């Protein structure tokens, strides 16, 4: 899962990867963290490299509000069309993004798969609707950033085509 946010005039990219043992790894900028997330009443308990944080979040359109152990942060999601793709897709690649927040219902491709134009790659469920993310052209899947059951935000990168 790849997320990009603006905070205090800087752009941060957060990449979350699920490890084989069920834990998560987070890469924020160039730093790597071991991450555990447990739901708590009204929020989350996050453990980043053995440091525990009580975190509460809220969202409104392209803004994310985070309170972590009394510190407050206001993050904004960049325009879905430009910066997110530039920061997450290399030269020659095409990034397919979520058009609205939702849950990944199915992922029908894997890295390295050859696909045809119009082939369904990912199915999202949002607001009781099914949204099919299809290949814009014939090509090859370079990376898949999501798994079935995950929640995604509007503009979040789902699949990179090459």
N, C-alpha and C. Protein backbone atom coordinates (compact mmCIF):
# COMPACT_ATOMS: atom_id res chain seq x y z
N UNK A 1 0.86 -1.16 0.00
CA UNK A 1 0.00 0.00 0.00
C UNK A 1 0.90 1.22 0.00
N UNK A 2 0.59 2.17 -0.83
CA UNK A 2 1.41 3.36 -0.96
C UNK A 2 0.52 4.58 -0.74
N UNK A 3 0.95 5.47 0.15
CA UNK A 3 0.20 6.68 0.46
C UNK A 3 1.14 7.87 0.32
N UNK A 4 0.60 8.99 -0.12
CA UNK A 4 1.38 10.21 -0.21
C UNK A 4 0.59 11.33 0.46
N UNK A 5 1.28 12.11 1.30
CA UNK A 5 0.64 13.21 2.02
C UNK A 5 1.54 14.43 2.00
N UNK A 6 0.90 15.60 2.14
CA UNK A 6 1.61 16.86 2.35
C UNK A 6 1.45 17.25 3.81
N UNK A 7 2.55 17.73 4.41
CA UNK A 7 2.50 18.25 5.79
C UNK A 7 3.58 19.30 5.94
N UNK A 8 3.21 20.47 6.41
CA UNK A 8 4.16 21.57 6.64
C UNK A 8 5.05 21.84 5.43
N UNK A 9 4.45 21.86 4.24
CA UNK A 9 5.18 22.20 3.03
C UNK A 9 6.04 21.09 2.46
N UNK A 10 6.00 19.91 3.05
CA UNK A 10 6.78 18.79 2.53
C UNK A 10 5.84 17.67 2.10
N UNK A 11 6.32 16.85 1.16
CA UNK A 11 5.57 15.68 0.71
C UNK A 11 6.21 14.44 1.30
N UNK A 12 5.38 13.59 1.89
CA UNK A 12 5.84 12.35 2.50
C UNK A 12 5.17 11.18 1.79
N UNK A 13 5.96 10.16 1.48
CA UNK A 13 5.43 8.93 0.92
C UNK A 13 5.56 7.85 1.97
N UNK A 14 4.46 7.16 2.22
CA UNK A 14 4.42 6.09 3.21
C UNK A 14 4.09 4.80 2.48
N UNK A 15 4.96 3.83 2.58
CA UNK A 15 4.70 2.53 1.97
C UNK A 15 4.56 1.51 3.07
N UNK A 16 3.43 0.80 3.08
CA UNK A 16 3.18 -0.26 4.05
C UNK A 16 3.23 -1.59 3.35
N UNK A 17 3.96 -2.53 3.94
CA UNK A 17 4.07 -3.87 3.37
C UNK A 17 3.75 -4.88 4.45
N UNK A 18 2.91 -5.86 4.12
CA UNK A 18 2.57 -6.92 5.06
C UNK A 18 3.65 -8.00 5.00
N UNK A 19 4.20 -8.33 6.16
CA UNK A 19 5.23 -9.38 6.27
C UNK A 19 4.56 -10.75 6.38
N UNK A 20 5.33 -11.79 6.14
CA UNK A 20 4.81 -13.16 6.18
C UNK A 20 4.21 -13.51 7.54
N UNK A 21 4.73 -12.91 8.62
CA UNK A 21 4.24 -13.22 9.96
C UNK A 21 3.02 -12.38 10.36
N UNK A 22 2.50 -11.58 9.42
CA UNK A 22 1.31 -10.78 9.69
C UNK A 22 1.60 -9.38 10.19
N UNK A 23 2.84 -9.09 10.57
CA UNK A 23 3.19 -7.73 10.98
C UNK A 23 3.35 -6.87 9.73
N UNK A 24 3.56 -5.58 9.95
CA UNK A 24 3.74 -4.65 8.84
C UNK A 24 5.12 -4.02 8.91
N UNK A 25 5.62 -3.64 7.77
CA UNK A 25 6.80 -2.80 7.68
C UNK A 25 6.35 -1.49 7.06
N UNK A 26 6.85 -0.40 7.60
CA UNK A 26 6.52 0.92 7.06
C UNK A 26 7.80 1.57 6.57
N UNK A 27 7.73 2.14 5.38
CA UNK A 27 8.85 2.91 4.85
C UNK A 27 8.32 4.33 4.67
N UNK A 28 8.91 5.25 5.41
CA UNK A 28 8.52 6.66 5.33
C UNK A 28 9.76 7.42 4.89
N UNK A 29 9.69 7.92 3.67
CA UNK A 29 10.88 8.53 3.09
C UNK A 29 11.93 7.45 2.90
N UNK A 30 13.08 7.60 3.55
CA UNK A 30 14.16 6.62 3.46
C UNK A 30 14.24 5.74 4.70
N UNK A 31 13.39 6.00 5.71
CA UNK A 31 13.47 5.25 6.97
C UNK A 31 12.53 4.06 6.97
N UNK A 32 13.01 2.94 7.51
CA UNK A 32 12.24 1.70 7.62
C UNK A 32 11.84 1.50 9.08
N UNK A 33 10.58 1.08 9.30
CA UNK A 33 10.07 0.86 10.64
C UNK A 33 9.38 -0.49 10.71
N UNK A 34 9.49 -1.15 11.87
CA UNK A 34 8.63 -2.29 12.17
C UNK A 34 7.36 -1.69 12.74
N UNK A 35 6.19 -2.15 12.27
CA UNK A 35 4.92 -1.53 12.64
C UNK A 35 3.94 -2.59 13.10
N UNK A 36 3.28 -2.29 14.20
CA UNK A 36 2.15 -3.09 14.65
C UNK A 36 1.01 -2.11 14.91
N UNK A 37 -0.19 -2.49 14.51
CA UNK A 37 -1.36 -1.63 14.69
C UNK A 37 -2.46 -2.46 15.34
N UNK A 38 -2.97 -1.96 16.45
CA UNK A 38 -4.07 -2.62 17.15
C UNK A 38 -5.18 -1.61 17.35
N UNK A 39 -6.42 -1.99 16.99
CA UNK A 39 -7.52 -1.06 17.25
C UNK A 39 -7.72 -0.89 18.75
N UNK A 40 -8.08 0.31 19.14
CA UNK A 40 -8.42 0.60 20.53
C UNK A 40 -9.72 1.39 20.49
N UNK A 41 -10.38 1.58 21.62
CA UNK A 41 -11.61 2.36 21.58
C UNK A 41 -11.35 3.74 20.95
N UNK A 42 -12.03 4.04 19.89
CA UNK A 42 -11.98 5.34 19.21
C UNK A 42 -10.68 5.60 18.45
N UNK A 43 -9.77 4.64 18.34
CA UNK A 43 -8.52 4.91 17.63
C UNK A 43 -7.68 3.67 17.45
N UNK A 44 -6.36 3.88 17.52
CA UNK A 44 -5.40 2.81 17.30
C UNK A 44 -4.27 2.91 18.30
N UNK A 45 -3.64 1.78 18.58
CA UNK A 45 -2.37 1.76 19.29
C UNK A 45 -1.35 1.30 18.25
N UNK A 46 -0.43 2.21 17.90
CA UNK A 46 0.61 1.89 16.93
C UNK A 46 1.92 1.69 17.66
N UNK A 47 2.64 0.68 17.24
CA UNK A 47 3.99 0.45 17.75
C UNK A 47 4.93 0.56 16.56
N UNK A 48 5.78 1.58 16.60
CA UNK A 48 6.78 1.80 15.56
C UNK A 48 8.14 1.57 16.19
N UNK A 49 8.84 0.55 15.75
CA UNK A 49 10.16 0.23 16.30
C UNK A 49 10.14 0.24 17.84
N UNK A 50 9.19 -0.46 18.41
CA UNK A 50 9.04 -0.64 19.86
C UNK A 50 8.61 0.62 20.62
N UNK A 51 8.26 1.69 19.94
CA UNK A 51 7.70 2.90 20.58
C UNK A 51 6.19 2.87 20.38
N UNK A 52 5.41 2.95 21.47
CA UNK A 52 3.95 2.89 21.38
C UNK A 52 3.35 4.29 21.31
N UNK A 53 2.33 4.41 20.46
CA UNK A 53 1.61 5.67 20.28
C UNK A 53 0.11 5.40 20.30
N UNK A 54 -0.63 6.24 20.98
CA UNK A 54 -2.09 6.20 20.92
C UNK A 54 -2.48 7.19 19.83
N UNK A 55 -3.14 6.70 18.79
CA UNK A 55 -3.40 7.50 17.60
C UNK A 55 -4.89 7.55 17.31
N UNK A 56 -5.37 8.75 17.01
CA UNK A 56 -6.76 8.97 16.62
C UNK A 56 -6.73 9.68 15.28
N UNK A 57 -7.63 9.27 14.38
CA UNK A 57 -7.63 9.85 13.04
C UNK A 57 -9.05 10.24 12.63
N UNK A 58 -9.12 11.20 11.72
CA UNK A 58 -10.37 11.60 11.09
C UNK A 58 -10.03 12.09 9.69
N UNK A 59 -11.01 12.05 8.81
CA UNK A 59 -10.79 12.49 7.43
C UNK A 59 -11.95 13.36 6.98
N UNK A 60 -11.63 14.33 6.14
CA UNK A 60 -12.62 15.18 5.51
C UNK A 60 -12.09 15.54 4.13
N UNK A 61 -12.72 14.99 3.12
CA UNK A 61 -12.29 15.17 1.73
C UNK A 61 -10.82 14.82 1.58
N UNK A 62 -9.97 15.76 1.21
CA UNK A 62 -8.55 15.48 0.99
C UNK A 62 -7.69 15.80 2.21
N UNK A 63 -8.30 15.95 3.37
CA UNK A 63 -7.55 16.23 4.58
C UNK A 63 -7.62 15.05 5.54
N UNK A 64 -6.51 14.80 6.22
CA UNK A 64 -6.45 13.76 7.24
C UNK A 64 -5.98 14.44 8.52
N UNK A 65 -6.69 14.18 9.60
CA UNK A 65 -6.36 14.76 10.89
C UNK A 65 -5.88 13.63 11.79
N UNK A 66 -4.70 13.78 12.35
CA UNK A 66 -4.09 12.74 13.16
C UNK A 66 -3.68 13.34 14.50
N UNK A 67 -4.03 12.64 15.56
CA UNK A 67 -3.56 13.01 16.89
C UNK A 67 -2.80 11.81 17.43
N UNK A 68 -1.53 12.01 17.74
CA UNK A 68 -0.68 10.93 18.25
C UNK A 68 -0.07 11.38 19.56
N UNK A 69 -0.49 10.74 20.64
CA UNK A 69 0.00 11.07 21.99
C UNK A 69 -0.03 12.58 22.25
N UNK A 70 -1.13 13.22 21.91
CA UNK A 70 -1.31 14.64 22.20
C UNK A 70 -0.80 15.58 21.13
N UNK A 71 -0.02 15.11 20.19
CA UNK A 71 0.45 15.96 19.09
C UNK A 71 -0.54 15.87 17.94
N UNK A 72 -0.86 17.00 17.36
CA UNK A 72 -1.84 17.03 16.27
C UNK A 72 -1.17 17.35 14.94
N UNK A 73 -1.66 16.65 13.90
CA UNK A 73 -1.12 16.83 12.55
C UNK A 73 -2.27 16.95 11.57
N UNK A 74 -2.11 17.85 10.61
CA UNK A 74 -3.07 17.98 9.51
C UNK A 74 -2.33 17.62 8.23
N UNK A 75 -2.76 16.55 7.59
CA UNK A 75 -2.15 16.07 6.35
C UNK A 75 -3.11 16.32 5.21
N UNK A 76 -2.59 16.59 4.05
CA UNK A 76 -3.45 16.70 2.87
C UNK A 76 -3.00 15.68 1.84
N UNK A 77 -3.96 15.15 1.13
CA UNK A 77 -3.70 14.19 0.06
C UNK A 77 -3.48 15.00 -1.20
N UNK A 78 -2.37 14.78 -1.90
CA UNK A 78 -2.12 15.55 -3.12
C UNK A 78 -3.13 15.24 -4.20
N UNK A 79 -3.20 16.13 -5.17
CA UNK A 79 -4.08 15.94 -6.33
C UNK A 79 -3.84 14.55 -6.89
N UNK A 80 -4.92 13.80 -7.07
CA UNK A 80 -4.80 12.39 -7.47
C UNK A 80 -4.11 12.21 -8.82
N UNK A 81 -4.09 13.21 -9.65
CA UNK A 81 -3.56 13.01 -10.99
C UNK A 81 -2.10 13.25 -11.17
N UNK A 82 -1.47 14.05 -10.31
CA UNK A 82 -0.11 14.45 -10.64
C UNK A 82 0.94 13.90 -9.68
N UNK A 83 1.05 14.48 -8.49
CA UNK A 83 2.17 14.17 -7.63
C UNK A 83 2.20 12.73 -7.20
N UNK A 84 1.07 12.12 -6.92
CA UNK A 84 1.06 10.74 -6.46
C UNK A 84 1.68 9.83 -7.53
N UNK A 85 1.32 10.04 -8.78
CA UNK A 85 1.88 9.19 -9.83
C UNK A 85 3.35 9.47 -10.03
N UNK A 86 3.76 10.75 -9.97
CA UNK A 86 5.16 11.08 -10.16
C UNK A 86 6.02 10.46 -9.08
N UNK A 87 5.54 10.46 -7.85
CA UNK A 87 6.37 9.95 -6.76
C UNK A 87 6.37 8.45 -6.69
N UNK A 88 5.42 7.78 -7.31
CA UNK A 88 5.32 6.34 -7.10
C UNK A 88 5.50 5.52 -8.37
N UNK A 89 5.53 6.13 -9.53
CA UNK A 89 5.65 5.37 -10.77
C UNK A 89 6.84 5.90 -11.55
N UNK A 90 7.72 5.00 -11.92
CA UNK A 90 8.93 5.39 -12.64
C UNK A 90 8.64 5.72 -14.09
N UNK A 91 9.70 6.13 -14.78
CA UNK A 91 9.57 6.49 -16.18
C UNK A 91 9.04 5.31 -16.99
N UNK A 92 8.08 5.57 -17.84
CA UNK A 92 7.53 4.54 -18.71
C UNK A 92 6.41 3.74 -18.08
N UNK A 93 6.15 3.92 -16.78
CA UNK A 93 5.09 3.17 -16.12
C UNK A 93 3.81 3.95 -16.08
N UNK A 94 2.70 3.23 -15.93
CA UNK A 94 1.40 3.87 -15.80
C UNK A 94 0.80 3.42 -14.48
N UNK A 95 0.39 4.39 -13.65
CA UNK A 95 -0.18 4.06 -12.36
C UNK A 95 -1.69 4.10 -12.40
N UNK A 96 -2.34 3.06 -11.90
CA UNK A 96 -3.79 3.02 -11.82
C UNK A 96 -4.17 3.26 -10.37
N UNK A 97 -5.02 4.24 -10.14
CA UNK A 97 -5.35 4.67 -8.79
C UNK A 97 -6.83 4.49 -8.48
N UNK A 98 -7.14 4.49 -7.19
CA UNK A 98 -8.53 4.41 -6.73
C UNK A 98 -9.20 5.76 -6.96
N UNK A 99 -10.39 5.74 -7.52
CA UNK A 99 -11.11 6.97 -7.80
C UNK A 99 -11.91 7.47 -6.61
N UNK A 100 -12.08 6.61 -5.59
CA UNK A 100 -12.77 6.99 -4.36
C UNK A 100 -12.33 6.04 -3.26
N UNK A 101 -12.53 6.42 -2.00
CA UNK A 101 -12.17 5.52 -0.91
C UNK A 101 -13.03 4.26 -0.97
N UNK A 102 -12.47 3.15 -0.57
CA UNK A 102 -13.24 1.91 -0.55
C UNK A 102 -12.41 0.74 -0.08
N UNK A 103 -12.96 -0.44 -0.28
CA UNK A 103 -12.29 -1.69 0.12
C UNK A 103 -11.96 -2.48 -1.15
N UNK A 104 -10.77 -3.07 -1.17
CA UNK A 104 -10.37 -3.92 -2.29
C UNK A 104 -11.12 -5.25 -2.14
N UNK A 105 -11.96 -5.55 -3.10
CA UNK A 105 -12.71 -6.80 -3.05
C UNK A 105 -11.93 -7.94 -3.70
N UNK A 106 -11.32 -7.65 -4.85
CA UNK A 106 -10.54 -8.68 -5.55
C UNK A 106 -9.33 -8.05 -6.22
N UNK A 107 -8.26 -8.82 -6.26
CA UNK A 107 -7.08 -8.47 -7.06
C UNK A 107 -6.92 -9.63 -8.03
N UNK A 108 -7.07 -9.35 -9.32
CA UNK A 108 -7.11 -10.40 -10.34
C UNK A 108 -5.80 -10.59 -11.08
N UNK A 109 -4.75 -9.87 -10.68
CA UNK A 109 -3.46 -9.98 -11.36
C UNK A 109 -2.33 -10.05 -10.33
N UNK A 110 -1.17 -10.44 -10.81
CA UNK A 110 0.04 -10.48 -9.99
C UNK A 110 1.16 -9.79 -10.77
N UNK A 111 2.21 -9.44 -10.08
CA UNK A 111 3.36 -8.82 -10.72
C UNK A 111 3.89 -9.74 -11.82
N UNK A 112 4.15 -9.17 -12.98
CA UNK A 112 4.67 -9.94 -14.10
C UNK A 112 3.61 -10.44 -15.06
N UNK A 113 2.33 -10.38 -14.68
CA UNK A 113 1.26 -10.85 -15.57
C UNK A 113 1.16 -9.98 -16.81
N UNK A 114 0.89 -10.61 -17.95
CA UNK A 114 0.57 -9.88 -19.17
C UNK A 114 -0.94 -9.70 -19.20
N UNK A 115 -1.39 -8.49 -19.57
CA UNK A 115 -2.83 -8.20 -19.57
C UNK A 115 -3.23 -7.57 -20.90
N UNK A 116 -4.51 -7.70 -21.21
CA UNK A 116 -5.08 -7.12 -22.41
C UNK A 116 -5.80 -5.82 -22.06
N UNK A 117 -5.92 -4.94 -23.02
CA UNK A 117 -6.66 -3.70 -22.83
C UNK A 117 -8.08 -4.03 -22.37
N UNK A 118 -8.53 -3.36 -21.29
CA UNK A 118 -9.88 -3.56 -20.78
C UNK A 118 -10.01 -4.68 -19.77
N UNK A 119 -8.95 -5.46 -19.56
CA UNK A 119 -9.00 -6.56 -18.60
C UNK A 119 -9.14 -6.02 -17.18
N UNK A 120 -10.00 -6.62 -16.37
CA UNK A 120 -10.19 -6.18 -14.99
C UNK A 120 -9.00 -6.62 -14.14
N UNK A 121 -8.36 -5.64 -13.51
CA UNK A 121 -7.18 -5.91 -12.68
C UNK A 121 -7.55 -5.98 -11.20
N UNK A 122 -8.37 -5.02 -10.77
CA UNK A 122 -8.76 -4.91 -9.36
C UNK A 122 -10.23 -4.54 -9.31
N UNK A 123 -10.93 -5.09 -8.32
CA UNK A 123 -12.32 -4.69 -8.08
C UNK A 123 -12.39 -4.05 -6.70
N UNK A 124 -12.89 -2.82 -6.67
CA UNK A 124 -13.09 -2.10 -5.41
C UNK A 124 -14.58 -2.08 -5.07
N UNK A 125 -14.86 -1.96 -3.81
CA UNK A 125 -16.24 -1.79 -3.35
C UNK A 125 -16.28 -0.48 -2.58
N UNK A 126 -17.13 0.43 -3.02
CA UNK A 126 -17.23 1.74 -2.39
C UNK A 126 -18.68 2.20 -2.45
N UNK A 127 -19.20 2.61 -1.31
CA UNK A 127 -20.58 3.13 -1.24
C UNK A 127 -21.56 2.16 -1.89
N UNK A 128 -21.40 0.86 -1.61
CA UNK A 128 -22.26 -0.21 -2.12
C UNK A 128 -22.21 -0.35 -3.64
N UNK A 129 -21.12 0.16 -4.23
CA UNK A 129 -20.93 0.02 -5.67
C UNK A 129 -19.69 -0.82 -5.92
N UNK A 130 -19.68 -1.49 -7.07
CA UNK A 130 -18.51 -2.24 -7.50
C UNK A 130 -17.80 -1.40 -8.56
N UNK A 131 -16.51 -1.16 -8.33
CA UNK A 131 -15.72 -0.35 -9.26
C UNK A 131 -14.62 -1.24 -9.83
N UNK A 132 -14.63 -1.41 -11.15
CA UNK A 132 -13.63 -2.25 -11.82
C UNK A 132 -12.49 -1.36 -12.33
N UNK A 133 -11.29 -1.69 -11.92
CA UNK A 133 -10.10 -1.01 -12.40
C UNK A 133 -9.55 -1.87 -13.53
N UNK A 134 -9.52 -1.31 -14.74
CA UNK A 134 -9.16 -2.09 -15.91
C UNK A 134 -7.86 -1.60 -16.54
N UNK A 135 -7.22 -2.48 -17.29
CA UNK A 135 -5.97 -2.13 -17.98
C UNK A 135 -6.28 -1.12 -19.08
N UNK A 136 -5.58 0.02 -19.11
CA UNK A 136 -5.83 1.02 -20.14
C UNK A 136 -5.32 0.58 -21.51
N UNK A 137 -4.34 -0.30 -21.52
CA UNK A 137 -3.74 -0.80 -22.76
C UNK A 137 -3.22 -2.21 -22.51
N UNK A 138 -2.83 -2.88 -23.57
CA UNK A 138 -2.16 -4.16 -23.45
C UNK A 138 -0.80 -3.89 -22.82
N UNK A 139 -0.38 -4.76 -21.90
CA UNK A 139 0.90 -4.53 -21.25
C UNK A 139 1.20 -5.57 -20.19
N UNK A 140 2.11 -5.19 -19.30
CA UNK A 140 2.54 -6.09 -18.24
C UNK A 140 2.41 -5.38 -16.89
N UNK A 141 1.99 -6.13 -15.89
CA UNK A 141 1.86 -5.60 -14.54
C UNK A 141 3.25 -5.56 -13.92
N UNK A 142 3.69 -4.35 -13.53
CA UNK A 142 5.01 -4.22 -12.91
C UNK A 142 4.91 -4.45 -11.40
N UNK A 143 3.90 -3.82 -10.77
CA UNK A 143 3.74 -3.95 -9.31
C UNK A 143 2.27 -3.91 -8.95
N UNK A 144 1.92 -4.63 -7.91
CA UNK A 144 0.58 -4.59 -7.33
C UNK A 144 0.76 -4.08 -5.90
N UNK A 145 0.07 -3.00 -5.55
CA UNK A 145 0.27 -2.35 -4.26
C UNK A 145 -0.79 -2.69 -3.23
N UNK A 146 -1.81 -3.48 -3.60
CA UNK A 146 -2.92 -3.75 -2.67
C UNK A 146 -3.23 -5.24 -2.64
N UNK A 147 -3.97 -5.62 -1.59
CA UNK A 147 -4.44 -7.00 -1.43
C UNK A 147 -5.93 -6.96 -1.12
N UNK A 148 -6.61 -8.05 -1.40
CA UNK A 148 -8.04 -8.15 -1.10
C UNK A 148 -8.28 -7.88 0.38
N UNK A 149 -9.32 -7.11 0.65
CA UNK A 149 -9.69 -6.79 2.02
C UNK A 149 -9.13 -5.48 2.54
N UNK A 150 -8.13 -4.92 1.87
CA UNK A 150 -7.52 -3.68 2.32
C UNK A 150 -8.42 -2.48 2.00
N UNK A 151 -8.34 -1.46 2.83
CA UNK A 151 -9.02 -0.19 2.58
C UNK A 151 -8.06 0.70 1.77
N UNK A 152 -8.63 1.45 0.82
CA UNK A 152 -7.83 2.37 0.02
C UNK A 152 -8.45 3.76 0.08
N UNK A 153 -7.62 4.75 -0.17
CA UNK A 153 -8.07 6.13 -0.23
C UNK A 153 -8.18 6.57 -1.67
N UNK A 154 -8.95 7.61 -1.90
CA UNK A 154 -9.05 8.19 -3.24
C UNK A 154 -7.65 8.62 -3.69
N UNK A 155 -7.28 8.21 -4.90
CA UNK A 155 -5.99 8.58 -5.45
C UNK A 155 -4.85 7.63 -5.08
N UNK A 156 -5.12 6.65 -4.24
CA UNK A 156 -4.07 5.71 -3.84
C UNK A 156 -3.70 4.81 -5.01
N UNK A 157 -2.40 4.60 -5.19
CA UNK A 157 -1.90 3.75 -6.27
C UNK A 157 -2.24 2.30 -6.00
N UNK A 158 -2.85 1.63 -7.00
CA UNK A 158 -3.27 0.24 -6.87
C UNK A 158 -2.33 -0.69 -7.64
N UNK A 159 -2.11 -0.36 -8.92
CA UNK A 159 -1.33 -1.21 -9.82
C UNK A 159 -0.46 -0.33 -10.70
N UNK A 160 0.77 -0.78 -10.92
CA UNK A 160 1.67 -0.10 -11.86
C UNK A 160 1.83 -0.99 -13.08
N UNK A 161 1.58 -0.40 -14.24
CA UNK A 161 1.72 -1.10 -15.52
C UNK A 161 3.02 -0.65 -16.19
N UNK A 162 3.59 -1.56 -16.97
CA UNK A 162 4.81 -1.19 -17.70
C UNK A 162 4.69 -1.44 -19.16
